[in-house]
């Protein structure tokens, strides 16, 4: 019984990690493709001294922090509790 629960928990962790990795890769790839193929769009000035490309580049970094926070929050509230329960602590 406990072995099956452990396998389920490991699968859930992989699913979460791969989902968040896929989201980050999509964000990054989307940004790179915009830089490569939409130069006019990325060069458009939003306010003097700030282009859309610079703003989106900063948002790529912020998205990495947000996705990291999501995983850490999930691990601390859900995953760690399940591990403790499986270990009987």
PDB file of N, CA and C in Angstrom:
ATOM      1  N   UNK A   1       0.831  -1.199   0.000  1.00  0.00           N
ATOM      2  CA  UNK A   1       0.000   0.000   0.000  1.00  0.00           C
ATOM      3  C   UNK A   1       0.864   1.246   0.000  1.00  0.00           C
ATOM      4  N   UNK A   2       1.853   1.307   0.886  1.00  0.00           N
ATOM      5  CA  UNK A   2       2.695   2.484   0.993  1.00  0.00           C
ATOM      6  C   UNK A   2       3.543   2.670  -0.271  1.00  0.00           C
ATOM      7  N   UNK A   3       3.959   1.573  -0.878  1.00  0.00           N
ATOM      8  CA  UNK A   3       4.757   1.655  -2.099  1.00  0.00           C
ATOM      9  C   UNK A   3       3.950   2.286  -3.231  1.00  0.00           C
ATOM     10  N   UNK A   4       2.667   1.931  -3.310  1.00  0.00           N
ATOM     11  CA  UNK A   4       1.798   2.495  -4.344  1.00  0.00           C
ATOM     12  C   UNK A   4       1.605   3.998  -4.124  1.00  0.00           C
ATOM     13  N   UNK A   5       1.435   4.405  -2.872  1.00  0.00           N
ATOM     14  CA  UNK A   5       1.299   5.825  -2.551  1.00  0.00           C
ATOM     15  C   UNK A   5       2.566   6.586  -2.907  1.00  0.00           C
ATOM     16  N   UNK A   6       3.722   5.975  -2.653  1.00  0.00           N
ATOM     17  CA  UNK A   6       4.996   6.607  -2.984  1.00  0.00           C
ATOM     18  C   UNK A   6       5.138   6.772  -4.500  1.00  0.00           C
ATOM     19  N   UNK A   7       4.770   5.751  -5.249  1.00  0.00           N
ATOM     20  CA  UNK A   7       4.818   5.850  -6.710  1.00  0.00           C
ATOM     21  C   UNK A   7       3.904   6.945  -7.218  1.00  0.00           C
ATOM     22  N   UNK A   8       2.727   7.064  -6.633  1.00  0.00           N
ATOM     23  CA  UNK A   8       1.789   8.113  -7.012  1.00  0.00           C
ATOM     24  C   UNK A   8       2.366   9.489  -6.704  1.00  0.00           C
ATOM     25  N   UNK A   9       2.968   9.619  -5.539  1.00  0.00           N
ATOM     26  CA  UNK A   9       3.556  10.894  -5.137  1.00  0.00           C
ATOM     27  C   UNK A   9       4.715  11.287  -6.048  1.00  0.00           C
ATOM     28  N   UNK A  10       5.554  10.342  -6.396  1.00  0.00           N
ATOM     29  CA  UNK A  10       6.675  10.619  -7.305  1.00  0.00           C
ATOM     30  C   UNK A  10       6.135  11.044  -8.668  1.00  0.00           C
ATOM     31  N   UNK A  11       5.093  10.392  -9.138  1.00  0.00           N
ATOM     32  CA  UNK A  11       4.492  10.750 -10.423  1.00  0.00           C
ATOM     33  C   UNK A  11       3.908  12.161 -10.376  1.00  0.00           C
ATOM     34  N   UNK A  12       3.284  12.511  -9.264  1.00  0.00           N
ATOM     35  CA  UNK A  12       2.727  13.856  -9.127  1.00  0.00           C
ATOM     36  C   UNK A  12       3.824  14.914  -9.125  1.00  0.00           C
ATOM     37  N   UNK A  13       4.935  14.615  -8.457  1.00  0.00           N
ATOM     38  CA  UNK A  13       6.051  15.566  -8.432  1.00  0.00           C
ATOM     39  C   UNK A  13       6.617  15.762  -9.828  1.00  0.00           C
ATOM     40  N   UNK A  14       6.801  14.655 -10.564  1.00  0.00           N
ATOM     41  CA  UNK A  14       7.301  14.774 -11.932  1.00  0.00           C
ATOM     42  C   UNK A  14       6.333  15.550 -12.814  1.00  0.00           C
ATOM     43  N   UNK A  15       5.035  15.283 -12.652  1.00  0.00           N
ATOM     44  CA  UNK A  15       4.031  15.976 -13.445  1.00  0.00           C
ATOM     45  C   UNK A  15       4.087  17.480 -13.190  1.00  0.00           C
ATOM     46  N   UNK A  16       4.197  17.867 -11.925  1.00  0.00           N
ATOM     47  CA  UNK A  16       4.278  19.283 -11.578  1.00  0.00           C
ATOM     48  C   UNK A  16       5.554  19.904 -12.143  1.00  0.00           C
ATOM     49  N   UNK A  17       6.679  19.226 -11.948  1.00  0.00           N
ATOM     50  CA  UNK A  17       7.964  19.757 -12.426  1.00  0.00           C
ATOM     51  C   UNK A  17       7.977  19.885 -13.952  1.00  0.00           C
ATOM     52  N   UNK A  18       7.491  18.869 -14.642  1.00  0.00           N
ATOM     53  CA  UNK A  18       7.489  18.924 -16.106  1.00  0.00           C
ATOM     54  C   UNK A  18       6.507  19.955 -16.642  1.00  0.00           C
ATOM     55  N   UNK A  19       5.378  20.118 -15.982  1.00  0.00           N
ATOM     56  CA  UNK A  19       4.407  21.132 -16.401  1.00  0.00           C
ATOM     57  C   UNK A  19       5.013  22.521 -16.272  1.00  0.00           C
ATOM     58  N   UNK A  20       5.607  22.819 -15.127  1.00  0.00           N
ATOM     59  CA  UNK A  20       6.196  24.135 -14.925  1.00  0.00           C
ATOM     60  C   UNK A  20       7.398  24.347 -15.843  1.00  0.00           C
ATOM     61  N   UNK A  21       8.167  23.310 -16.092  1.00  0.00           N
ATOM     62  CA  UNK A  21       9.285  23.413 -17.025  1.00  0.00           C
ATOM     63  C   UNK A  21       8.773  23.712 -18.429  1.00  0.00           C
ATOM     64  N   UNK A  22       7.715  23.030 -18.835  1.00  0.00           N
ATOM     65  CA  UNK A  22       7.117  23.278 -20.148  1.00  0.00           C
ATOM     66  C   UNK A  22       6.599  24.695 -20.283  1.00  0.00           C
ATOM     67  N   UNK A  23       5.966  25.192 -19.235  1.00  0.00           N
ATOM     68  CA  UNK A  23       5.472  26.577 -19.258  1.00  0.00           C
ATOM     69  C   UNK A  23       6.639  27.549 -19.414  1.00  0.00           C
ATOM     70  N   UNK A  24       7.714  27.327 -18.652  1.00  0.00           N
ATOM     71  CA  UNK A  24       8.872  28.224 -18.744  1.00  0.00           C
ATOM     72  C   UNK A  24       9.511  28.161 -20.120  1.00  0.00           C
ATOM     73  N   UNK A  25       9.641  26.970 -20.669  1.00  0.00           N
ATOM     74  CA  UNK A  25      10.210  26.826 -22.011  1.00  0.00           C
ATOM     75  C   UNK A  25       9.345  27.527 -23.062  1.00  0.00           C
ATOM     76  N   UNK A  26       8.031  27.418 -22.932  1.00  0.00           N
ATOM     77  CA  UNK A  26       7.126  28.092 -23.871  1.00  0.00           C
ATOM     78  C   UNK A  26       7.269  29.609 -23.770  1.00  0.00           C
ATOM     79  N   UNK A  27       7.352  30.123 -22.554  1.00  0.00           N
ATOM     80  CA  UNK A  27       7.531  31.564 -22.365  1.00  0.00           C
ATOM     81  C   UNK A  27       8.847  32.019 -22.986  1.00  0.00           C
ATOM     82  N   UNK A  28       9.912  31.302 -22.672  1.00  0.00           N
ATOM     83  CA  UNK A  28      11.229  31.684 -23.179  1.00  0.00           C
ATOM     84  C   UNK A  28      11.294  31.560 -24.699  1.00  0.00           C
ATOM     85  N   UNK A  29      10.810  30.455 -25.240  1.00  0.00           N
ATOM     86  CA  UNK A  29      10.825  30.252 -26.686  1.00  0.00           C
ATOM     87  C   UNK A  29       9.973  31.317 -27.383  1.00  0.00           C
ATOM     88  N   UNK A  30       8.819  31.622 -26.805  1.00  0.00           N
ATOM     89  CA  UNK A  30       7.976  32.675 -27.368  1.00  0.00           C
ATOM     90  C   UNK A  30       8.702  34.010 -27.418  1.00  0.00           C
ATOM     91  N   UNK A  31       9.419  34.331 -26.352  1.00  0.00           N
ATOM     92  CA  UNK A  31      10.182  35.574 -26.312  1.00  0.00           C
ATOM     93  C   UNK A  31      11.273  35.571 -27.376  1.00  0.00           C
ATOM     94  N   UNK A  32      12.022  34.473 -27.478  1.00  0.00           N
ATOM     95  CA  UNK A  32      13.101  34.377 -28.468  1.00  0.00           C
ATOM     96  C   UNK A  32      12.534  34.494 -29.882  1.00  0.00           C
ATOM     97  N   UNK A  33      11.417  33.855 -30.149  1.00  0.00           N
ATOM     98  CA  UNK A  33      10.808  33.944 -31.475  1.00  0.00           C
ATOM     99  C   UNK A  33      10.339  35.361 -31.776  1.00  0.00           C
ATOM    100  N   UNK A  34       9.807  36.039 -30.780  1.00  0.00           N
ATOM    101  CA  UNK A  34       9.421  37.438 -30.992  1.00  0.00           C
ATOM    102  C   UNK A  34      10.643  38.305 -31.295  1.00  0.00           C
ATOM    103  N   UNK A  35      11.712  38.084 -30.581  1.00  0.00           N
ATOM    104  CA  UNK A  35      12.942  38.837 -30.837  1.00  0.00           C
ATOM    105  C   UNK A  35      13.442  38.560 -32.253  1.00  0.00           C
ATOM    106  N   UNK A  36      13.355  37.320 -32.694  1.00  0.00           N
ATOM    107  CA  UNK A  36      13.876  36.944 -34.008  1.00  0.00           C
ATOM    108  C   UNK A  36      12.993  37.393 -35.165  1.00  0.00           C
ATOM    109  N   UNK A  37      11.675  37.326 -34.978  1.00  0.00           N
ATOM    110  CA  UNK A  37      10.778  37.530 -36.115  1.00  0.00           C
ATOM    111  C   UNK A  37       9.839  38.734 -35.999  1.00  0.00           C
ATOM    112  N   UNK A  38       9.839  39.422 -34.899  1.00  0.00           N
ATOM    113  CA  UNK A  38       8.948  40.583 -34.744  1.00  0.00           C
ATOM    114  C   UNK A  38       9.744  41.773 -34.214  1.00  0.00           C
ATOM    115  N   UNK A  39      10.799  42.110 -34.936  1.00  0.00           N
ATOM    116  CA  UNK A  39      11.690  43.174 -34.479  1.00  0.00           C
ATOM    117  C   UNK A  39      10.963  44.509 -34.331  1.00  0.00           C
ATOM    118  N   UNK A  40      10.088  44.835 -35.277  1.00  0.00           N
ATOM    119  CA  UNK A  40       9.353  46.107 -35.187  1.00  0.00           C
ATOM    120  C   UNK A  40       8.469  46.147 -33.945  1.00  0.00           C
ATOM    121  N   UNK A  41       7.790  45.050 -33.688  1.00  0.00           N
ATOM    122  CA  UNK A  41       6.932  44.979 -32.507  1.00  0.00           C
ATOM    123  C   UNK A  41       7.760  45.112 -31.229  1.00  0.00           C
ATOM    124  N   UNK A  42       8.848  44.387 -31.151  1.00  0.00           N
ATOM    125  CA  UNK A  42       9.675  44.405 -29.946  1.00  0.00           C
ATOM    126  C   UNK A  42      10.371  45.754 -29.754  1.00  0.00           C
ATOM    127  N   UNK A  43      10.596  46.481 -30.849  1.00  0.00           N
ATOM    128  CA  UNK A  43      11.243  47.785 -30.752  1.00  0.00           C
ATOM    129  C   UNK A  43      10.289  48.925 -30.467  1.00  0.00           C
ATOM    130  N   UNK A  44       9.003  48.640 -30.459  1.00  0.00           N
ATOM    131  CA  UNK A  44       8.001  49.689 -30.228  1.00  0.00           C
ATOM    132  C   UNK A  44       8.171  50.279 -28.831  1.00  0.00           C
ATOM    133  N   UNK A  45       8.206  51.585 -28.772  1.00  0.00           N
ATOM    134  CA  UNK A  45       8.377  52.285 -27.498  1.00  0.00           C
ATOM    135  C   UNK A  45       7.046  52.349 -26.748  1.00  0.00           C
ATOM    136  N   UNK A  46       7.074  51.931 -25.498  1.00  0.00           N
ATOM    137  CA  UNK A  46       5.885  52.019 -24.645  1.00  0.00           C
ATOM    138  C   UNK A  46       5.872  53.392 -23.984  1.00  0.00           C
ATOM    139  N   UNK A  47       6.969  53.704 -23.363  1.00  0.00           N
ATOM    140  CA  UNK A  47       7.232  55.054 -22.832  1.00  0.00           C
ATOM    141  C   UNK A  47       8.673  55.365 -23.244  1.00  0.00           C
ATOM    142  N   UNK A  48       9.056  56.628 -23.249  1.00  0.00           N
ATOM    143  CA  UNK A  48      10.440  56.940 -23.647  1.00  0.00           C
ATOM    144  C   UNK A  48      11.456  56.148 -22.812  1.00  0.00           C
ATOM    145  N   UNK A  49      12.317  55.418 -23.507  1.00  0.00           N
ATOM    146  CA  UNK A  49      13.347  54.635 -22.840  1.00  0.00           C
ATOM    147  C   UNK A  49      12.937  53.211 -22.498  1.00  0.00           C
ATOM    148  N   UNK A  50      11.704  52.841 -22.792  1.00  0.00           N
ATOM    149  CA  UNK A  50      11.235  51.479 -22.492  1.00  0.00           C
ATOM    150  C   UNK A  50      10.519  50.911 -23.701  1.00  0.00           C
ATOM    151  N   UNK A  51      11.144  49.904 -24.322  1.00  0.00           N
ATOM    152  CA  UNK A  51      10.523  49.245 -25.466  1.00  0.00           C
ATOM    153  C   UNK A  51       9.736  48.027 -24.994  1.00  0.00           C
ATOM    154  N   UNK A  52       8.901  47.544 -25.868  1.00  0.00           N
ATOM    155  CA  UNK A  52       8.132  46.337 -25.554  1.00  0.00           C
ATOM    156  C   UNK A  52       9.067  45.157 -25.334  1.00  0.00           C
ATOM    157  N   UNK A  53      10.150  45.094 -26.099  1.00  0.00           N
ATOM    158  CA  UNK A  53      11.120  43.999 -25.943  1.00  0.00           C
ATOM    159  C   UNK A  53      11.760  43.976 -24.567  1.00  0.00           C
ATOM    160  N   UNK A  54      12.142  45.150 -24.060  1.00  0.00           N
ATOM    161  CA  UNK A  54      12.741  45.225 -22.724  1.00  0.00           C
ATOM    162  C   UNK A  54      11.710  44.804 -21.676  1.00  0.00           C
ATOM    163  N   UNK A  55      10.477  45.280 -21.821  1.00  0.00           N
ATOM    164  CA  UNK A  55       9.427  44.922 -20.869  1.00  0.00           C
ATOM    165  C   UNK A  55       9.168  43.415 -20.883  1.00  0.00           C
ATOM    166  N   UNK A  56       9.041  42.840 -22.065  1.00  0.00           N
ATOM    167  CA  UNK A  56       8.799  41.393 -22.145  1.00  0.00           C
ATOM    168  C   UNK A  56       9.990  40.593 -21.613  1.00  0.00           C
ATOM    169  N   UNK A  57      11.203  41.072 -21.864  1.00  0.00           N
ATOM    170  CA  UNK A  57      12.389  40.408 -21.319  1.00  0.00           C
ATOM    171  C   UNK A  57      12.359  40.383 -19.797  1.00  0.00           C
ATOM    172  N   UNK A  58      11.970  41.502 -19.199  1.00  0.00           N
ATOM    173  CA  UNK A  58      11.854  41.555 -17.736  1.00  0.00           C
ATOM    174  C   UNK A  58      10.745  40.622 -17.256  1.00  0.00           C
ATOM    175  N   UNK A  59       9.654  40.543 -18.015  1.00  0.00           N
ATOM    176  CA  UNK A  59       8.554  39.660 -17.629  1.00  0.00           C
ATOM    177  C   UNK A  59       8.942  38.183 -17.739  1.00  0.00           C
ATOM    178  N   UNK A  60       9.855  37.843 -18.647  1.00  0.00           N
ATOM    179  CA  UNK A  60      10.361  36.466 -18.722  1.00  0.00           C
ATOM    180  C   UNK A  60      11.062  36.118 -17.413  1.00  0.00           C
ATOM    181  N   UNK A  61      11.866  37.041 -16.914  1.00  0.00           N
ATOM    182  CA  UNK A  61      12.566  36.813 -15.644  1.00  0.00           C
ATOM    183  C   UNK A  61      11.568  36.714 -14.495  1.00  0.00           C
ATOM    184  N   UNK A  62      10.596  37.609 -14.466  1.00  0.00           N
ATOM    185  CA  UNK A  62       9.578  37.580 -13.410  1.00  0.00           C
ATOM    186  C   UNK A  62       8.786  36.273 -13.478  1.00  0.00           C
ATOM    187  N   UNK A  63       8.485  35.802 -14.688  1.00  0.00           N
ATOM    188  CA  UNK A  63       7.733  34.543 -14.810  1.00  0.00           C
ATOM    189  C   UNK A  63       8.531  33.375 -14.235  1.00  0.00           C
ATOM    190  N   UNK A  64       9.849  33.388 -14.389  1.00  0.00           N
ATOM    191  CA  UNK A  64      10.675  32.332 -13.788  1.00  0.00           C
ATOM    192  C   UNK A  64      10.552  32.371 -12.270  1.00  0.00           C
ATOM    193  N   UNK A  65      10.560  33.556 -11.695  1.00  0.00           N
ATOM    194  CA  UNK A  65      10.396  33.682 -10.235  1.00  0.00           C
ATOM    195  C   UNK A  65       9.021  33.192  -9.798  1.00  0.00           C
ATOM    196  N   UNK A  66       7.988  33.558 -10.560  1.00  0.00           N
ATOM    197  CA  UNK A  66       6.618  33.151 -10.208  1.00  0.00           C
ATOM    198  C   UNK A  66       6.475  31.634 -10.290  1.00  0.00           C
ATOM    199  N   UNK A  67       6.994  31.035 -11.348  1.00  0.00           N
ATOM    200  CA  UNK A  67       6.907  29.579 -11.477  1.00  0.00           C
ATOM    201  C   UNK A  67       7.696  28.877 -10.377  1.00  0.00           C
ATOM    202  N   UNK A  68       8.830  29.450  -9.993  1.00  0.00           N
ATOM    203  CA  UNK A  68       9.603  28.906  -8.872  1.00  0.00           C
ATOM    204  C   UNK A  68       8.797  29.003  -7.581  1.00  0.00           C
ATOM    205  N   UNK A  69       8.127  30.116  -7.376  1.00  0.00           N
ATOM    206  CA  UNK A  69       7.301  30.302  -6.183  1.00  0.00           C
ATOM    207  C   UNK A  69       6.156  29.278  -6.173  1.00  0.00           C
ATOM    208  N   UNK A  70       5.533  29.071  -7.326  1.00  0.00           N
ATOM    209  CA  UNK A  70       4.436  28.105  -7.414  1.00  0.00           C
ATOM    210  C   UNK A  70       4.927  26.710  -7.013  1.00  0.00           C
ATOM    211  N   UNK A  71       6.081  26.291  -7.540  1.00  0.00           N
ATOM    212  CA  UNK A  71       6.595  24.966  -7.208  1.00  0.00           C
ATOM    213  C   UNK A  71       6.953  24.878  -5.721  1.00  0.00           C
ATOM    214  N   UNK A  72       7.614  25.901  -5.217  1.00  0.00           N
ATOM    215  CA  UNK A  72       8.012  25.890  -3.800  1.00  0.00           C
ATOM    216  C   UNK A  72       6.786  25.843  -2.901  1.00  0.00           C
ATOM    217  N   UNK A  73       5.790  26.617  -3.229  1.00  0.00           N
ATOM    218  CA  UNK A  73       4.552  26.621  -2.442  1.00  0.00           C
ATOM    219  C   UNK A  73       3.886  25.246  -2.483  1.00  0.00           C
ATOM    220  N   UNK A  74       3.795  24.660  -3.677  1.00  0.00           N
ATOM    221  CA  UNK A  74       3.206  23.333  -3.827  1.00  0.00           C
ATOM    222  C   UNK A  74       3.989  22.304  -3.020  1.00  0.00           C
ATOM    223  N   UNK A  75       5.316  22.352  -3.122  1.00  0.00           N
ATOM    224  CA  UNK A  75       6.158  21.380  -2.409  1.00  0.00           C
ATOM    225  C   UNK A  75       6.016  21.535  -0.901  1.00  0.00           C
ATOM    226  N   UNK A  76       5.997  22.758  -0.420  1.00  0.00           N
ATOM    227  CA  UNK A  76       5.925  22.985   1.026  1.00  0.00           C
ATOM    228  C   UNK A  76       4.562  22.641   1.614  1.00  0.00           C
ATOM    229  N   UNK A  77       3.501  22.867   0.860  1.00  0.00           N
ATOM    230  CA  UNK A  77       2.165  22.641   1.422  1.00  0.00           C
ATOM    231  C   UNK A  77       1.610  21.259   1.109  1.00  0.00           C
ATOM    232  N   UNK A  78       1.938  20.703  -0.032  1.00  0.00           N
ATOM    233  CA  UNK A  78       1.344  19.431  -0.436  1.00  0.00           C
ATOM    234  C   UNK A  78       2.352  18.281  -0.389  1.00  0.00           C
ATOM    235  N   UNK A  79       3.430  18.420  -1.118  1.00  0.00           N
ATOM    236  CA  UNK A  79       4.386  17.328  -1.278  1.00  0.00           C
ATOM    237  C   UNK A  79       5.046  16.945   0.050  1.00  0.00           C
ATOM    238  N   UNK A  80       5.579  17.925   0.764  1.00  0.00           N
ATOM    239  CA  UNK A  80       6.271  17.628   2.025  1.00  0.00           C
ATOM    240  C   UNK A  80       5.335  16.966   3.040  1.00  0.00           C
ATOM    241  N   UNK A  81       4.082  17.414   3.075  1.00  0.00           N
ATOM    242  CA  UNK A  81       3.108  16.816   3.998  1.00  0.00           C
ATOM    243  C   UNK A  81       2.845  15.356   3.652  1.00  0.00           C
ATOM    244  N   UNK A  82       2.731  15.063   2.364  1.00  0.00           N
ATOM    245  CA  UNK A  82       2.510  13.673   1.934  1.00  0.00           C
ATOM    246  C   UNK A  82       3.727  12.809   2.250  1.00  0.00           C
ATOM    247  N   UNK A  83       4.926  13.347   2.075  1.00  0.00           N
ATOM    248  CA  UNK A  83       6.141  12.597   2.398  1.00  0.00           C
ATOM    249  C   UNK A  83       6.182  12.296   3.889  1.00  0.00           C
ATOM    250  N   UNK A  84       5.876  13.300   4.708  1.00  0.00           N
ATOM    251  CA  UNK A  84       5.847  13.083   6.176  1.00  0.00           C
ATOM    252  C   UNK A  84       4.858  11.993   6.546  1.00  0.00           C
ATOM    253  N   UNK A  85       3.685  12.017   5.921  1.00  0.00           N
ATOM    254  CA  UNK A  85       2.668  11.007   6.217  1.00  0.00           C
ATOM    255  C   UNK A  85       3.150   9.612   5.808  1.00  0.00           C
ATOM    256  N   UNK A  86       3.829   9.523   4.666  1.00  0.00           N
ATOM    257  CA  UNK A  86       4.332   8.228   4.213  1.00  0.00           C
ATOM    258  C   UNK A  86       5.439   7.697   5.131  1.00  0.00           C
ATOM    259  N   UNK A  87       6.244   8.606   5.664  1.00  0.00           N
ATOM    260  CA  UNK A  87       7.320   8.199   6.557  1.00  0.00           C
ATOM    261  C   UNK A  87       6.822   7.943   7.968  1.00  0.00           C
ATOM    262  N   UNK A  88       5.584   8.325   8.247  1.00  0.00           N
ATOM    263  CA  UNK A  88       5.001   8.088   9.560  1.00  0.00           C
ATOM    264  C   UNK A  88       5.490   9.038  10.638  1.00  0.00           C
ATOM    265  N   UNK A  89       5.847  10.244  10.231  1.00  0.00           N
ATOM    266  CA  UNK A  89       6.327  11.234  11.208  1.00  0.00           C
ATOM    267  C   UNK A  89       5.280  12.234  11.550  1.00  0.00           C
TER     268      UNK A  89
END
